[in-house]
């Protein structure tokens, strides 16, 4: 049984959460095109949709119960996709208020583990879990990856959406991907600075429920929250970007390291 950490994200449209930015920057690595062979073609819905409602809860530590073999143990590198928000799309250099895609955790993970190849970083700033679910076909299933890492919920919390909606969306993403033969790895929502107590509690609630979801589905949950959190549940020193919500380059590296260790320990 494994314990891991969590991560956060930002909103795609203009809002207090993303400073009004609406366009993610370019990719830090060359992405592979959607696969045309290999596993059988997906037969599920071509445009999955999720509850339009609102998520809003978070948590701390949660056990990982999935059975994901070490990526580096594979003779052939495994293709992976990351489905998320700005926490997966962006990083912030020291002292900078301008996001960069260079050094975001998905590309760091691919560099760290030669057994993994990044097919698509589908992190879209501002996305809620419902929006992530709505683009599951084109941004994930069409790439036919071996692994899918899912990190979402920060923007749901920012919109004060119910935890039940967040978890329902993530469950549907998980079950749909598994139905297409994709191994799913969930990440808990990371901490954020200067949150109201209701939003802190929402994060705890969602992360705890993600632990239950991982146990029920028999998949790996990486508790990045615990890796990135200080004792007061803010981001630990050096991990926060200028806004206290996004991650610095050090924070993105710590997140990538946590995922790498989790994969290697299985």
C-alpha atoms as a PDB file:
ATOM      1  CA  UNK A   1       0.000   0.000   0.000  1.00  0.00           C
ATOM      2  CA  UNK A   2       1.391   3.378  -0.990  1.00  0.00           C
ATOM      3  CA  UNK A   3       0.887   6.924   0.206  1.00  0.00           C
ATOM      4  CA  UNK A   4       1.508   9.810  -2.138  1.00  0.00           C
ATOM      5  CA  UNK A   5       0.771  13.605  -2.505  1.00  0.00           C
ATOM      6  CA  UNK A   6      -1.574  16.133  -4.335  1.00  0.00           C
ATOM      7  CA  UNK A   7      -1.841  19.033  -6.842  1.00  0.00           C
ATOM      8  CA  UNK A   8      -3.994  22.042  -7.919  1.00  0.00           C
ATOM      9  CA  UNK A   9      -5.076  23.951 -11.063  1.00  0.00           C
ATOM     10  CA  UNK A  10      -6.558  27.113 -12.510  1.00  0.00           C
ATOM     11  CA  UNK A  11      -9.538  28.249 -14.496  1.00  0.00           C
ATOM     12  CA  UNK A  12      -9.645  28.395 -18.292  1.00  0.00           C
ATOM     13  CA  UNK A  13     -11.636  31.577 -18.563  1.00  0.00           C
ATOM     14  CA  UNK A  14     -10.837  34.945 -16.997  1.00  0.00           C
ATOM     15  CA  UNK A  15     -11.240  34.788 -13.264  1.00  0.00           C
ATOM     16  CA  UNK A  16      -9.554  35.635 -10.019  1.00  0.00           C
ATOM     17  CA  UNK A  17      -8.002  32.178 -10.222  1.00  0.00           C
ATOM     18  CA  UNK A  18      -6.011  32.681 -13.407  1.00  0.00           C
ATOM     19  CA  UNK A  19      -5.526  36.410 -13.585  1.00  0.00           C
ATOM     20  CA  UNK A  20      -7.703  36.611 -16.676  1.00  0.00           C
ATOM     21  CA  UNK A  21      -5.464  34.379 -18.808  1.00  0.00           C
ATOM     22  CA  UNK A  22      -7.386  32.359 -21.346  1.00  0.00           C
ATOM     23  CA  UNK A  23      -4.663  30.811 -23.514  1.00  0.00           C
ATOM     24  CA  UNK A  24      -2.271  28.103 -22.280  1.00  0.00           C
ATOM     25  CA  UNK A  25       1.272  28.428 -23.566  1.00  0.00           C
ATOM     26  CA  UNK A  26       2.885  26.007 -25.982  1.00  0.00           C
ATOM     27  CA  UNK A  27       4.087  22.534 -24.999  1.00  0.00           C
ATOM     28  CA  UNK A  28       7.501  22.028 -23.440  1.00  0.00           C
ATOM     29  CA  UNK A  29       8.086  18.770 -25.270  1.00  0.00           C
ATOM     30  CA  UNK A  30       7.250  17.376 -28.652  1.00  0.00           C
ATOM     31  CA  UNK A  31       4.000  15.486 -28.327  1.00  0.00           C
ATOM     32  CA  UNK A  32       3.276  12.263 -30.126  1.00  0.00           C
ATOM     33  CA  UNK A  33       0.259  12.219 -32.467  1.00  0.00           C
ATOM     34  CA  UNK A  34      -2.775  10.129 -31.579  1.00  0.00           C
ATOM     35  CA  UNK A  35      -2.064   6.436 -31.954  1.00  0.00           C
ATOM     36  CA  UNK A  36      -3.450   4.705 -35.001  1.00  0.00           C
ATOM     37  CA  UNK A  37      -2.736   1.146 -34.034  1.00  0.00           C
ATOM     38  CA  UNK A  38      -2.066  -1.073 -31.037  1.00  0.00           C
ATOM     39  CA  UNK A  39      -4.977  -1.493 -28.667  1.00  0.00           C
ATOM     40  CA  UNK A  40      -8.456  -1.952 -30.155  1.00  0.00           C
ATOM     41  CA  UNK A  41     -10.173   1.262 -31.193  1.00  0.00           C
ATOM     42  CA  UNK A  42     -12.318   2.898 -28.484  1.00  0.00           C
ATOM     43  CA  UNK A  43     -15.968   2.052 -28.738  1.00  0.00           C
ATOM     44  CA  UNK A  44     -17.304   4.379 -26.060  1.00  0.00           C
ATOM     45  CA  UNK A  45     -19.070   7.726 -26.519  1.00  0.00           C
ATOM     46  CA  UNK A  46     -17.236  10.182 -28.730  1.00  0.00           C
ATOM     47  CA  UNK A  47     -18.018  13.208 -26.587  1.00  0.00           C
ATOM     48  CA  UNK A  48     -18.351  12.275 -22.928  1.00  0.00           C
ATOM     49  CA  UNK A  49     -19.980  14.852 -20.747  1.00  0.00           C
ATOM     50  CA  UNK A  50     -20.085  15.240 -17.018  1.00  0.00           C
ATOM     51  CA  UNK A  51     -22.316  16.827 -14.432  1.00  0.00           C
ATOM     52  CA  UNK A  52     -22.537  20.548 -15.054  1.00  0.00           C
ATOM     53  CA  UNK A  53     -22.750  21.100 -11.325  1.00  0.00           C
ATOM     54  CA  UNK A  54     -20.040  22.307  -8.997  1.00  0.00           C
ATOM     55  CA  UNK A  55     -17.195  20.616  -7.109  1.00  0.00           C
ATOM     56  CA  UNK A  56     -15.612  21.919  -3.926  1.00  0.00           C
ATOM     57  CA  UNK A  57     -13.693  19.896  -1.323  1.00  0.00           C
ATOM     58  CA  UNK A  58     -10.205  18.668  -0.545  1.00  0.00           C
ATOM     59  CA  UNK A  59      -8.132  16.421   1.617  1.00  0.00           C
ATOM     60  CA  UNK A  60      -4.805  15.316   2.899  1.00  0.00           C
ATOM     61  CA  UNK A  61      -3.284  11.871   2.971  1.00  0.00           C
ATOM     62  CA  UNK A  62      -4.846   8.983   1.144  1.00  0.00           C
ATOM     63  CA  UNK A  63      -3.573   5.467   0.605  1.00  0.00           C
ATOM     64  CA  UNK A  64      -2.685   4.159  -2.814  1.00  0.00           C
ATOM     65  CA  UNK A  65      -3.993   0.705  -3.538  1.00  0.00           C
ATOM     66  CA  UNK A  66      -3.574   0.259  -7.276  1.00  0.00           C
ATOM     67  CA  UNK A  67      -1.366  -2.228  -9.037  1.00  0.00           C
ATOM     68  CA  UNK A  68       0.716  -0.216 -11.500  1.00  0.00           C
ATOM     69  CA  UNK A  69       3.988  -1.894 -12.488  1.00  0.00           C
ATOM     70  CA  UNK A  70       7.117   0.235 -12.632  1.00  0.00           C
ATOM     71  CA  UNK A  71       7.284   2.031 -15.962  1.00  0.00           C
ATOM     72  CA  UNK A  72      11.049   1.567 -16.244  1.00  0.00           C
ATOM     73  CA  UNK A  73      10.582  -2.179 -15.846  1.00  0.00           C
ATOM     74  CA  UNK A  74       8.833  -2.333 -19.223  1.00  0.00           C
ATOM     75  CA  UNK A  75      10.945  -3.402 -22.207  1.00  0.00           C
ATOM     76  CA  UNK A  76       8.988  -1.002 -24.412  1.00  0.00           C
ATOM     77  CA  UNK A  77       8.383   2.547 -23.143  1.00  0.00           C
ATOM     78  CA  UNK A  78       4.784   3.183 -22.194  1.00  0.00           C
ATOM     79  CA  UNK A  79       2.890   6.134 -23.643  1.00  0.00           C
ATOM     80  CA  UNK A  80       1.110   8.384 -21.167  1.00  0.00           C
ATOM     81  CA  UNK A  81      -1.303  11.304 -21.172  1.00  0.00           C
ATOM     82  CA  UNK A  82      -1.870  13.793 -18.363  1.00  0.00           C
ATOM     83  CA  UNK A  83      -5.413  15.161 -18.002  1.00  0.00           C
ATOM     84  CA  UNK A  84      -5.579  18.266 -15.854  1.00  0.00           C
ATOM     85  CA  UNK A  85      -5.514  22.032 -15.534  1.00  0.00           C
ATOM     86  CA  UNK A  86      -2.857  24.722 -15.153  1.00  0.00           C
ATOM     87  CA  UNK A  87      -1.069  22.790 -12.437  1.00  0.00           C
ATOM     88  CA  UNK A  88      -0.062  20.329 -15.145  1.00  0.00           C
ATOM     89  CA  UNK A  89       0.280  22.873 -17.965  1.00  0.00           C
ATOM     90  CA  UNK A  90       2.328  25.576 -16.247  1.00  0.00           C
ATOM     91  CA  UNK A  91       5.210  26.285 -13.944  1.00  0.00           C
ATOM     92  CA  UNK A  92       6.579  29.609 -12.687  1.00  0.00           C
ATOM     93  CA  UNK A  93      10.282  30.497 -12.615  1.00  0.00           C
ATOM     94  CA  UNK A  94      11.527  32.126  -9.384  1.00  0.00           C
ATOM     95  CA  UNK A  95      10.104  35.631  -8.968  1.00  0.00           C
ATOM     96  CA  UNK A  96       8.149  35.449 -12.223  1.00  0.00           C
ATOM     97  CA  UNK A  97       4.460  36.199 -12.659  1.00  0.00           C
ATOM     98  CA  UNK A  98       4.505  34.764 -16.179  1.00  0.00           C
ATOM     99  CA  UNK A  99       3.792  31.043 -16.579  1.00  0.00           C
ATOM    100  CA  UNK A 100       6.022  28.754 -18.580  1.00  0.00           C
ATOM    101  CA  UNK A 101       5.372  25.263 -19.917  1.00  0.00           C
ATOM    102  CA  UNK A 102       9.064  24.409 -19.663  1.00  0.00           C
ATOM    103  CA  UNK A 103       9.503  22.447 -16.465  1.00  0.00           C
ATOM    104  CA  UNK A 104       5.874  21.414 -15.979  1.00  0.00           C
ATOM    105  CA  UNK A 105       5.724  18.086 -14.158  1.00  0.00           C
ATOM    106  CA  UNK A 106       4.540  15.851 -17.049  1.00  0.00           C
ATOM    107  CA  UNK A 107       7.662  16.589 -19.104  1.00  0.00           C
ATOM    108  CA  UNK A 108       9.846  16.269 -15.991  1.00  0.00           C
ATOM    109  CA  UNK A 109       8.377  12.825 -15.333  1.00  0.00           C
ATOM    110  CA  UNK A 110       9.088  11.728 -18.911  1.00  0.00           C
ATOM    111  CA  UNK A 111      12.691  12.901 -18.518  1.00  0.00           C
ATOM    112  CA  UNK A 112      13.076  11.201 -15.146  1.00  0.00           C
ATOM    113  CA  UNK A 113      11.687   7.827 -16.227  1.00  0.00           C
ATOM    114  CA  UNK A 114      12.990   6.476 -19.565  1.00  0.00           C
ATOM    115  CA  UNK A 115      10.218   3.873 -19.440  1.00  0.00           C
ATOM    116  CA  UNK A 116       7.613   6.587 -20.077  1.00  0.00           C
ATOM    117  CA  UNK A 117       6.881   8.636 -23.199  1.00  0.00           C
ATOM    118  CA  UNK A 118       4.611  11.689 -22.967  1.00  0.00           C
ATOM    119  CA  UNK A 119       1.989  11.468 -25.714  1.00  0.00           C
ATOM    120  CA  UNK A 120      -0.078  14.493 -24.687  1.00  0.00           C
ATOM    121  CA  UNK A 121      -0.012  16.976 -21.840  1.00  0.00           C
ATOM    122  CA  UNK A 122      -3.745  17.699 -21.761  1.00  0.00           C
ATOM    123  CA  UNK A 123      -3.498  20.251 -18.981  1.00  0.00           C
ATOM    124  CA  UNK A 124      -5.812  23.166 -19.808  1.00  0.00           C
ATOM    125  CA  UNK A 125      -5.620  26.183 -17.478  1.00  0.00           C
ATOM    126  CA  UNK A 126      -8.922  26.959 -15.787  1.00  0.00           C
ATOM    127  CA  UNK A 127     -10.507  23.575 -16.418  1.00  0.00           C
ATOM    128  CA  UNK A 128     -12.883  22.072 -13.913  1.00  0.00           C
ATOM    129  CA  UNK A 129     -13.303  18.303 -13.724  1.00  0.00           C
ATOM    130  CA  UNK A 130     -16.502  18.566 -15.789  1.00  0.00           C
ATOM    131  CA  UNK A 131     -14.557  20.285 -18.561  1.00  0.00           C
ATOM    132  CA  UNK A 132     -11.842  17.656 -18.332  1.00  0.00           C
ATOM    133  CA  UNK A 133     -14.474  14.949 -18.693  1.00  0.00           C
ATOM    134  CA  UNK A 134     -15.994  16.683 -21.709  1.00  0.00           C
ATOM    135  CA  UNK A 135     -12.699  16.535 -23.635  1.00  0.00           C
ATOM    136  CA  UNK A 136     -11.751  13.010 -22.582  1.00  0.00           C
ATOM    137  CA  UNK A 137     -12.277  11.565 -26.061  1.00  0.00           C
ATOM    138  CA  UNK A 138     -10.156  13.968 -28.089  1.00  0.00           C
ATOM    139  CA  UNK A 139      -7.453  14.690 -25.522  1.00  0.00           C
ATOM    140  CA  UNK A 140      -7.030  11.197 -24.067  1.00  0.00           C
ATOM    141  CA  UNK A 141      -8.804   8.302 -25.776  1.00  0.00           C
ATOM    142  CA  UNK A 142      -7.789   9.337 -29.292  1.00  0.00           C
ATOM    143  CA  UNK A 143      -4.139   9.063 -28.229  1.00  0.00           C
ATOM    144  CA  UNK A 144      -4.652   5.460 -27.079  1.00  0.00           C
ATOM    145  CA  UNK A 145      -2.157   5.753 -24.200  1.00  0.00           C
ATOM    146  CA  UNK A 146      -1.037   2.984 -21.884  1.00  0.00           C
ATOM    147  CA  UNK A 147      -1.274   5.245 -18.825  1.00  0.00           C
ATOM    148  CA  UNK A 148      -3.469   8.198 -17.880  1.00  0.00           C
ATOM    149  CA  UNK A 149      -2.548  10.515 -15.001  1.00  0.00           C
ATOM    150  CA  UNK A 150      -5.460  12.631 -13.744  1.00  0.00           C
ATOM    151  CA  UNK A 151      -4.975  15.762 -11.641  1.00  0.00           C
ATOM    152  CA  UNK A 152      -8.015  17.983 -11.255  1.00  0.00           C
ATOM    153  CA  UNK A 153     -10.308  19.667  -8.760  1.00  0.00           C
ATOM    154  CA  UNK A 154      -8.519  22.893  -7.855  1.00  0.00           C
ATOM    155  CA  UNK A 155     -10.743  24.990 -10.086  1.00  0.00           C
ATOM    156  CA  UNK A 156     -13.846  23.198  -8.818  1.00  0.00           C
ATOM    157  CA  UNK A 157     -12.841  24.257  -5.323  1.00  0.00           C
ATOM    158  CA  UNK A 158     -12.272  27.804  -6.568  1.00  0.00           C
ATOM    159  CA  UNK A 159     -15.851  27.845  -7.840  1.00  0.00           C
ATOM    160  CA  UNK A 160     -17.119  26.326  -4.570  1.00  0.00           C
ATOM    161  CA  UNK A 161     -18.560  23.300  -6.347  1.00  0.00           C
ATOM    162  CA  UNK A 162     -19.671  20.285  -4.316  1.00  0.00           C
ATOM    163  CA  UNK A 163     -17.171  17.542  -3.581  1.00  0.00           C
ATOM    164  CA  UNK A 164     -19.705  14.976  -4.755  1.00  0.00           C
ATOM    165  CA  UNK A 165     -19.706  16.481  -8.270  1.00  0.00           C
ATOM    166  CA  UNK A 166     -15.898  16.567  -8.438  1.00  0.00           C
ATOM    167  CA  UNK A 167     -15.578  12.933  -7.409  1.00  0.00           C
ATOM    168  CA  UNK A 168     -18.402  11.849  -9.736  1.00  0.00           C
ATOM    169  CA  UNK A 169     -16.603  13.481 -12.672  1.00  0.00           C
ATOM    170  CA  UNK A 170     -13.286  11.884 -11.756  1.00  0.00           C
ATOM    171  CA  UNK A 171     -14.979   8.513 -11.325  1.00  0.00           C
ATOM    172  CA  UNK A 172     -16.486   8.765 -14.806  1.00  0.00           C
ATOM    173  CA  UNK A 173     -13.115   9.736 -16.281  1.00  0.00           C
ATOM    174  CA  UNK A 174     -11.492   6.784 -14.526  1.00  0.00           C
ATOM    175  CA  UNK A 175     -14.074   4.206 -15.478  1.00  0.00           C
ATOM    176  CA  UNK A 176     -14.269   5.369 -19.100  1.00  0.00           C
ATOM    177  CA  UNK A 177     -10.501   5.225 -19.513  1.00  0.00           C
ATOM    178  CA  UNK A 178     -10.299   1.824 -17.840  1.00  0.00           C
ATOM    179  CA  UNK A 179     -13.015   0.601 -20.189  1.00  0.00           C
ATOM    180  CA  UNK A 180     -10.660   1.442 -23.064  1.00  0.00           C
ATOM    181  CA  UNK A 181      -7.824  -0.584 -21.556  1.00  0.00           C
ATOM    182  CA  UNK A 182      -5.955   2.421 -20.130  1.00  0.00           C
ATOM    183  CA  UNK A 183      -4.290   2.201 -16.712  1.00  0.00           C
ATOM    184  CA  UNK A 184      -5.373   5.207 -14.629  1.00  0.00           C
ATOM    185  CA  UNK A 185      -3.322   6.906 -11.914  1.00  0.00           C
ATOM    186  CA  UNK A 186      -5.089   9.546  -9.792  1.00  0.00           C
ATOM    187  CA  UNK A 187      -3.349  12.429  -8.024  1.00  0.00           C
ATOM    188  CA  UNK A 188      -4.733  14.204  -4.997  1.00  0.00           C
ATOM    189  CA  UNK A 189      -5.334  17.955  -5.122  1.00  0.00           C
ATOM    190  CA  UNK A 190      -2.288  19.918  -3.895  1.00  0.00           C
ATOM    191  CA  UNK A 191      -2.432  22.527  -1.172  1.00  0.00           C
ATOM    192  CA  UNK A 192      -2.821  26.244  -1.846  1.00  0.00           C
ATOM    193  CA  UNK A 193      -1.970  29.268   0.269  1.00  0.00           C
ATOM    194  CA  UNK A 194      -4.393  31.630   1.991  1.00  0.00           C
ATOM    195  CA  UNK A 195      -7.491  29.521   1.413  1.00  0.00           C
ATOM    196  CA  UNK A 196     -10.684  29.978   3.378  1.00  0.00           C
ATOM    197  CA  UNK A 197     -11.422  27.215   5.837  1.00  0.00           C
ATOM    198  CA  UNK A 198     -14.415  25.958   3.786  1.00  0.00           C
ATOM    199  CA  UNK A 199     -12.138  25.549   0.774  1.00  0.00           C
ATOM    200  CA  UNK A 200      -9.448  23.864   2.842  1.00  0.00           C
ATOM    201  CA  UNK A 201     -12.072  21.453   4.123  1.00  0.00           C
ATOM    202  CA  UNK A 202     -13.355  20.888   0.595  1.00  0.00           C
ATOM    203  CA  UNK A 203      -9.833  19.882  -0.458  1.00  0.00           C
ATOM    204  CA  UNK A 204      -9.588  17.457   2.447  1.00  0.00           C
ATOM    205  CA  UNK A 205     -12.981  15.957   1.639  1.00  0.00           C
ATOM    206  CA  UNK A 206     -12.231  15.450  -2.044  1.00  0.00           C
ATOM    207  CA  UNK A 207      -8.816  13.948  -1.399  1.00  0.00           C
ATOM    208  CA  UNK A 208     -10.278  11.543   1.147  1.00  0.00           C
ATOM    209  CA  UNK A 209     -12.958  10.506  -1.337  1.00  0.00           C
ATOM    210  CA  UNK A 210     -10.284   9.998  -4.001  1.00  0.00           C
ATOM    211  CA  UNK A 211      -8.720   7.482  -1.628  1.00  0.00           C
ATOM    212  CA  UNK A 212     -12.016   5.608  -1.542  1.00  0.00           C
ATOM    213  CA  UNK A 213     -12.310   5.798  -5.337  1.00  0.00           C
ATOM    214  CA  UNK A 214      -8.807   4.402  -5.797  1.00  0.00           C
ATOM    215  CA  UNK A 215      -9.535   1.513  -3.446  1.00  0.00           C
ATOM    216  CA  UNK A 216     -12.821   0.722  -5.172  1.00  0.00           C
ATOM    217  CA  UNK A 217     -11.236   0.768  -8.638  1.00  0.00           C
ATOM    218  CA  UNK A 218      -8.010  -0.927  -7.538  1.00  0.00           C
ATOM    219  CA  UNK A 219      -5.841   1.852  -8.982  1.00  0.00           C
ATOM    220  CA  UNK A 220      -2.868   3.872  -7.824  1.00  0.00           C
ATOM    221  CA  UNK A 221      -3.438   7.153  -5.995  1.00  0.00           C
ATOM    222  CA  UNK A 222      -0.432   9.462  -5.614  1.00  0.00           C
ATOM    223  CA  UNK A 223      -0.954  11.715  -2.605  1.00  0.00           C
ATOM    224  CA  UNK A 224       0.912  14.774  -3.849  1.00  0.00           C
ATOM    225  CA  UNK A 225      -0.893  16.903  -1.266  1.00  0.00           C
ATOM    226  CA  UNK A 226       1.247  15.409   1.487  1.00  0.00           C
ATOM    227  CA  UNK A 227       4.423  15.860  -0.530  1.00  0.00           C
ATOM    228  CA  UNK A 228       3.792  19.557  -1.195  1.00  0.00           C
ATOM    229  CA  UNK A 229       2.097  20.629   2.049  1.00  0.00           C
ATOM    230  CA  UNK A 230       3.580  22.492   4.997  1.00  0.00           C
ATOM    231  CA  UNK A 231       2.284  21.673   8.518  1.00  0.00           C
ATOM    232  CA  UNK A 232      -0.303  24.474   8.194  1.00  0.00           C
ATOM    233  CA  UNK A 233      -1.657  22.951   4.939  1.00  0.00           C
ATOM    234  CA  UNK A 234      -0.188  25.760   2.833  1.00  0.00           C
ATOM    235  CA  UNK A 235       2.374  24.966   0.155  1.00  0.00           C
ATOM    236  CA  UNK A 236       5.774  24.223   1.662  1.00  0.00           C
ATOM    237  CA  UNK A 237       8.571  26.774   1.292  1.00  0.00           C
ATOM    238  CA  UNK A 238       9.832  27.024  -2.249  1.00  0.00           C
ATOM    239  CA  UNK A 239       6.914  25.160  -3.823  1.00  0.00           C
ATOM    240  CA  UNK A 240       4.508  28.075  -4.307  1.00  0.00           C
ATOM    241  CA  UNK A 241       4.468  30.422  -7.279  1.00  0.00           C
ATOM    242  CA  UNK A 242       3.896  34.145  -6.764  1.00  0.00           C
ATOM    243  CA  UNK A 243       0.119  33.678  -6.353  1.00  0.00           C
ATOM    244  CA  UNK A 244       0.289  30.934  -3.738  1.00  0.00           C
ATOM    245  CA  UNK A 245      -1.915  28.720  -5.905  1.00  0.00           C
ATOM    246  CA  UNK A 246       0.302  27.567  -8.736  1.00  0.00           C
ATOM    247  CA  UNK A 247       3.559  25.717  -8.349  1.00  0.00           C
ATOM    248  CA  UNK A 248       7.076  27.008  -8.736  1.00  0.00           C
ATOM    249  CA  UNK A 249       9.659  25.076 -10.713  1.00  0.00           C
ATOM    250  CA  UNK A 250      10.697  23.396  -7.451  1.00  0.00           C
ATOM    251  CA  UNK A 251       7.093  22.489  -6.738  1.00  0.00           C
ATOM    252  CA  UNK A 252       6.623  20.946 -10.189  1.00  0.00           C
ATOM    253  CA  UNK A 253       9.831  18.946  -9.726  1.00  0.00           C
ATOM    254  CA  UNK A 254       8.675  17.712  -6.315  1.00  0.00           C
ATOM    255  CA  UNK A 255       5.364  16.640  -7.855  1.00  0.00           C
ATOM    256  CA  UNK A 256       7.105  14.782 -10.690  1.00  0.00           C
ATOM    257  CA  UNK A 257       9.438  13.100  -8.187  1.00  0.00           C
ATOM    258  CA  UNK A 258       6.469  11.941  -6.101  1.00  0.00           C
ATOM    259  CA  UNK A 259       4.788  10.357  -9.123  1.00  0.00           C
ATOM    260  CA  UNK A 260       8.054   8.723 -10.192  1.00  0.00           C
ATOM    261  CA  UNK A 261       8.621   7.227  -6.731  1.00  0.00           C
ATOM    262  CA  UNK A 262       5.055   5.945  -6.619  1.00  0.00           C
ATOM    263  CA  UNK A 263       5.467   4.156  -9.945  1.00  0.00           C
ATOM    264  CA  UNK A 264       8.811   2.696  -8.971  1.00  0.00           C
ATOM    265  CA  UNK A 265       7.488   1.350  -5.672  1.00  0.00           C
ATOM    266  CA  UNK A 266       4.748  -0.714  -7.318  1.00  0.00           C
END
